[in-house]
Amino acid sequence: MNKKVYWIIGVIIIITGGVFGTFKYHQHQAKERERISWLAPHYNDSKDYILLSTDVDKLNDKQEKKFYGIARGVIESENPDISFTNLDDYSLFVKKAVGKHNYYIKYVCENPTTKLRFETTAKVTLKKESLKGTNKFDYWDYESDLDDY
């Protein structure tokens, strides 16, 4: 084979490698963005930050949905007789509390029939940084109007 054929084969290999490498890079970046989107904000910080309130929204949809689930999980842990089938989410306040892995949650739900609202507050310590999947947590300073419901 002459030099021209070697050059053509070399260029084809370089272009193919570049295309494949770019594809793999973009694939890795998408996976990393997905992983990051599930992380609890400021998980390792010791300071407090408001993450979700009527004026502040620093949570993405996945994080917000998980914090709603954590709030309901705290209530169900404290009072297993509570059924959320007849209660609607009304509001959620989430603050990264002082100390690593700690969050303060204020959850309000509403009975759509009676329009009664029930407020629950708790401090939560998350066991892992990722909110994806099942979340293990400890909680304390639990107070809820639902206990009388």
C-alpha atoms as a PDB file:
ATOM      1  CA  MET A   1       0.000   0.000   0.000  1.00  0.00           C
ATOM      2  CA  ASN A   2       1.158   3.447  -0.707  1.00  0.00           C
ATOM      3  CA  LYS A   3       1.407   6.454   1.620  1.00  0.00           C
ATOM      4  CA  LYS A   4      -1.897   7.921   0.407  1.00  0.00           C
ATOM      5  CA  VAL A   5      -3.847   4.851   1.580  1.00  0.00           C
ATOM      6  CA  TYR A   6      -2.154   4.967   5.009  1.00  0.00           C
ATOM      7  CA  TRP A   7      -3.048   8.641   5.306  1.00  0.00           C
ATOM      8  CA  ILE A   8      -6.698   7.992   4.443  1.00  0.00           C
ATOM      9  CA  ILE A   9      -6.912   5.098   6.920  1.00  0.00           C
ATOM     10  CA  GLY A  10      -5.266   7.264   9.609  1.00  0.00           C
ATOM     11  CA  VAL A  11      -7.688  10.153   9.020  1.00  0.00           C
ATOM     12  CA  ILE A  12     -10.672   7.776   9.156  1.00  0.00           C
ATOM     13  CA  ILE A  13      -9.406   6.299  12.451  1.00  0.00           C
ATOM     14  CA  ILE A  14      -8.858   9.775  13.936  1.00  0.00           C
ATOM     15  CA  ILE A  15     -12.304  11.025  12.874  1.00  0.00           C
ATOM     16  CA  THR A  16     -13.994   7.838  14.138  1.00  0.00           C
ATOM     17  CA  GLY A  17     -12.145   8.087  17.462  1.00  0.00           C
ATOM     18  CA  GLY A  18     -13.065  11.757  17.792  1.00  0.00           C
ATOM     19  CA  VAL A  19     -16.747  11.114  17.109  1.00  0.00           C
ATOM     20  CA  PHE A  20     -16.833   8.150  19.512  1.00  0.00           C
ATOM     21  CA  GLY A  21     -14.929  10.115  22.188  1.00  0.00           C
ATOM     22  CA  THR A  22     -17.275  13.077  21.862  1.00  0.00           C
ATOM     23  CA  PHE A  23     -20.291  10.776  22.140  1.00  0.00           C
ATOM     24  CA  LYS A  24     -18.899   9.108  25.275  1.00  0.00           C
ATOM     25  CA  TYR A  25     -18.035  12.519  26.788  1.00  0.00           C
ATOM     26  CA  HIS A  26     -21.593  13.812  26.249  1.00  0.00           C
ATOM     27  CA  GLN A  27     -23.000  10.568  27.645  1.00  0.00           C
ATOM     28  CA  HIS A  28     -20.831  10.941  30.773  1.00  0.00           C
ATOM     29  CA  GLN A  29     -21.850  14.603  31.168  1.00  0.00           C
ATOM     30  CA  ALA A  30     -25.562  13.678  30.990  1.00  0.00           C
ATOM     31  CA  LYS A  31     -25.107  11.011  33.673  1.00  0.00           C
ATOM     32  CA  GLU A  32     -23.226  13.466  35.880  1.00  0.00           C
ATOM     33  CA  ARG A  33     -25.935  16.143  35.485  1.00  0.00           C
ATOM     34  CA  GLU A  34     -28.560  13.543  36.431  1.00  0.00           C
ATOM     35  CA  ARG A  35     -26.544  12.469  39.504  1.00  0.00           C
ATOM     36  CA  ILE A  36     -26.053  16.067  40.623  1.00  0.00           C
ATOM     37  CA  SER A  37     -29.756  16.859  40.178  1.00  0.00           C
ATOM     38  CA  TRP A  38     -30.563  14.343  42.945  1.00  0.00           C
ATOM     39  CA  LEU A  39     -28.100  15.718  45.532  1.00  0.00           C
ATOM     40  CA  ALA A  40     -29.429  17.329  48.709  1.00  0.00           C
ATOM     41  CA  PRO A  41     -28.421  21.002  48.563  1.00  0.00           C
ATOM     42  CA  HIS A  42     -25.684  22.159  50.957  1.00  0.00           C
ATOM     43  CA  TYR A  43     -25.567  18.648  52.481  1.00  0.00           C
ATOM     44  CA  ASN A  44     -22.077  19.050  53.975  1.00  0.00           C
ATOM     45  CA  ASP A  45     -22.404  22.727  54.929  1.00  0.00           C
ATOM     46  CA  SER A  46     -22.678  23.683  58.583  1.00  0.00           C
ATOM     47  CA  LYS A  47     -24.502  26.977  57.957  1.00  0.00           C
ATOM     48  CA  ASP A  48     -28.209  27.473  57.421  1.00  0.00           C
ATOM     49  CA  TYR A  49     -29.779  28.383  54.069  1.00  0.00           C
ATOM     50  CA  ILE A  50     -33.406  28.786  53.076  1.00  0.00           C
ATOM     51  CA  LEU A  51     -33.948  26.399  50.180  1.00  0.00           C
ATOM     52  CA  LEU A  52     -37.706  26.586  49.624  1.00  0.00           C
ATOM     53  CA  SER A  53     -40.214  29.176  50.805  1.00  0.00           C
ATOM     54  CA  THR A  54     -42.800  31.494  49.330  1.00  0.00           C
ATOM     55  CA  ASP A  55     -39.951  33.844  48.321  1.00  0.00           C
ATOM     56  CA  VAL A  56     -37.093  31.400  47.629  1.00  0.00           C
ATOM     57  CA  ASP A  57     -36.964  28.340  45.388  1.00  0.00           C
ATOM     58  CA  LYS A  58     -33.502  26.801  45.209  1.00  0.00           C
ATOM     59  CA  LEU A  59     -34.729  23.206  44.803  1.00  0.00           C
ATOM     60  CA  ASN A  60     -35.256  21.499  41.486  1.00  0.00           C
ATOM     61  CA  ASP A  61     -38.452  19.480  40.952  1.00  0.00           C
ATOM     62  CA  LYS A  62     -36.812  16.179  41.978  1.00  0.00           C
ATOM     63  CA  GLN A  63     -35.446  17.630  45.222  1.00  0.00           C
ATOM     64  CA  GLU A  64     -38.735  19.334  46.070  1.00  0.00           C
ATOM     65  CA  LYS A  65     -40.707  16.146  45.470  1.00  0.00           C
ATOM     66  CA  LYS A  66     -38.312  14.194  47.714  1.00  0.00           C
ATOM     67  CA  PHE A  67     -38.568  16.740  50.540  1.00  0.00           C
ATOM     68  CA  TYR A  68     -42.370  16.460  50.338  1.00  0.00           C
ATOM     69  CA  GLY A  69     -41.898  12.687  50.633  1.00  0.00           C
ATOM     70  CA  ILE A  70     -39.547  13.088  53.591  1.00  0.00           C
ATOM     71  CA  ALA A  71     -42.070  15.341  55.346  1.00  0.00           C
ATOM     72  CA  ARG A  72     -44.829  12.771  54.825  1.00  0.00           C
ATOM     73  CA  GLY A  73     -42.414  10.032  55.930  1.00  0.00           C
ATOM     74  CA  VAL A  74     -41.786  11.843  59.217  1.00  0.00           C
ATOM     75  CA  ILE A  75     -45.537  12.095  59.810  1.00  0.00           C
ATOM     76  CA  GLU A  76     -46.117   8.431  58.942  1.00  0.00           C
ATOM     77  CA  SER A  77     -43.246   7.389  61.235  1.00  0.00           C
ATOM     78  CA  GLU A  78     -44.753   9.320  64.111  1.00  0.00           C
ATOM     79  CA  ASN A  79     -48.380   8.436  63.379  1.00  0.00           C
ATOM     80  CA  PRO A  80     -48.842   5.364  61.123  1.00  0.00           C
ATOM     81  CA  ASP A  81     -52.637   5.799  61.170  1.00  0.00           C
ATOM     82  CA  ILE A  82     -52.461   8.978  59.054  1.00  0.00           C
ATOM     83  CA  SER A  83     -53.516   8.387  55.455  1.00  0.00           C
ATOM     84  CA  PHE A  84     -52.517  10.886  52.808  1.00  0.00           C
ATOM     85  CA  THR A  85     -55.214   9.643  50.428  1.00  0.00           C
ATOM     86  CA  ASN A  86     -57.619  12.245  51.824  1.00  0.00           C
ATOM     87  CA  LEU A  87     -55.029  15.000  52.315  1.00  0.00           C
ATOM     88  CA  ASP A  88     -53.466  17.253  49.682  1.00  0.00           C
ATOM     89  CA  ASP A  89     -50.063  18.916  49.863  1.00  0.00           C
ATOM     90  CA  TYR A  90     -50.547  22.629  50.517  1.00  0.00           C
ATOM     91  CA  SER A  91     -47.064  24.068  51.125  1.00  0.00           C
ATOM     92  CA  LEU A  92     -43.514  23.191  52.056  1.00  0.00           C
ATOM     93  CA  PHE A  93     -40.721  25.205  53.662  1.00  0.00           C
ATOM     94  CA  VAL A  94     -37.227  23.715  53.623  1.00  0.00           C
ATOM     95  CA  LYS A  95     -34.186  25.189  55.299  1.00  0.00           C
ATOM     96  CA  LYS A  96     -30.709  23.716  55.482  1.00  0.00           C
ATOM     97  CA  ALA A  97     -30.243  23.846  59.244  1.00  0.00           C
ATOM     98  CA  VAL A  98     -27.063  24.440  61.209  1.00  0.00           C
ATOM     99  CA  GLY A  99     -24.905  21.323  61.267  1.00  0.00           C
ATOM    100  CA  LYS A 100     -23.989  18.945  58.483  1.00  0.00           C
ATOM    101  CA  HIS A 101     -26.805  16.893  56.891  1.00  0.00           C
ATOM    102  CA  ASN A 102     -29.516  18.711  58.933  1.00  0.00           C
ATOM    103  CA  TYR A 103     -32.672  20.230  57.449  1.00  0.00           C
ATOM    104  CA  TYR A 104     -35.686  21.971  58.961  1.00  0.00           C
ATOM    105  CA  ILE A 105     -38.994  21.174  57.264  1.00  0.00           C
ATOM    106  CA  LYS A 106     -42.362  22.855  57.687  1.00  0.00           C
ATOM    107  CA  TYR A 107     -45.057  20.958  55.793  1.00  0.00           C
ATOM    108  CA  VAL A 108     -48.697  21.984  55.454  1.00  0.00           C
ATOM    109  CA  CYS A 109     -51.377  19.683  54.079  1.00  0.00           C
ATOM    110  CA  GLU A 110     -55.063  20.301  53.564  1.00  0.00           C
ATOM    111  CA  ASN A 111     -58.226  18.246  53.672  1.00  0.00           C
ATOM    112  CA  PRO A 112     -59.839  19.217  50.332  1.00  0.00           C
ATOM    113  CA  THR A 113     -63.351  18.569  51.632  1.00  0.00           C
ATOM    114  CA  THR A 114     -63.230  20.604  54.843  1.00  0.00           C
ATOM    115  CA  LYS A 115     -60.420  22.967  53.779  1.00  0.00           C
ATOM    116  CA  LEU A 116     -58.779  22.333  57.157  1.00  0.00           C
ATOM    117  CA  ARG A 117     -55.005  22.756  57.095  1.00  0.00           C
ATOM    118  CA  PHE A 118     -52.533  20.869  59.229  1.00  0.00           C
ATOM    119  CA  GLU A 119     -48.997  22.045  59.917  1.00  0.00           C
ATOM    120  CA  THR A 120     -46.073  19.767  60.701  1.00  0.00           C
ATOM    121  CA  THR A 121     -42.536  20.821  61.575  1.00  0.00           C
ATOM    122  CA  ALA A 122     -39.479  18.676  62.147  1.00  0.00           C
ATOM    123  CA  LYS A 123     -35.731  18.717  61.961  1.00  0.00           C
ATOM    124  CA  VAL A 124     -34.286  15.979  59.791  1.00  0.00           C
ATOM    125  CA  THR A 125     -30.820  14.503  59.415  1.00  0.00           C
ATOM    126  CA  LEU A 126     -30.334  12.785  56.062  1.00  0.00           C
ATOM    127  CA  LYS A 127     -28.229   9.611  56.077  1.00  0.00           C
ATOM    128  CA  LYS A 128     -26.861  10.121  52.555  1.00  0.00           C
ATOM    129  CA  GLU A 129     -26.359  13.010  50.169  1.00  0.00           C
ATOM    130  CA  SER A 130     -28.343  11.597  47.270  1.00  0.00           C
ATOM    131  CA  LEU A 131     -32.118  11.963  47.413  1.00  0.00           C
ATOM    132  CA  LYS A 132     -32.587   9.340  44.705  1.00  0.00           C
ATOM    133  CA  GLY A 133     -34.346   6.159  45.735  1.00  0.00           C
ATOM    134  CA  THR A 134     -35.333   5.367  49.302  1.00  0.00           C
ATOM    135  CA  ASN A 135     -34.166   7.978  51.780  1.00  0.00           C
ATOM    136  CA  LYS A 136     -33.113   7.107  55.297  1.00  0.00           C
ATOM    137  CA  PHE A 137     -33.200   9.884  57.857  1.00  0.00           C
ATOM    138  CA  ASP A 138     -33.486  10.641  61.540  1.00  0.00           C
ATOM    139  CA  TYR A 139     -35.811  13.334  62.818  1.00  0.00           C
ATOM    140  CA  TRP A 140     -36.398  15.266  66.024  1.00  0.00           C
ATOM    141  CA  ASP A 141     -38.346  18.294  67.314  1.00  0.00           C
ATOM    142  CA  TYR A 142     -41.457  16.896  65.642  1.00  0.00           C
ATOM    143  CA  GLU A 143     -44.681  18.889  66.071  1.00  0.00           C
ATOM    144  CA  SER A 144     -47.874  18.333  64.103  1.00  0.00           C
ATOM    145  CA  ASP A 145     -51.527  19.355  64.099  1.00  0.00           C
ATOM    146  CA  LEU A 146     -52.228  16.000  62.445  1.00  0.00           C
ATOM    147  CA  ASP A 147     -51.801  14.195  65.762  1.00  0.00           C
ATOM    148  CA  ASP A 148     -55.270  15.462  66.721  1.00  0.00           C
ATOM    149  CA  TYR A 149     -56.817  14.629  63.336  1.00  0.00           C
END
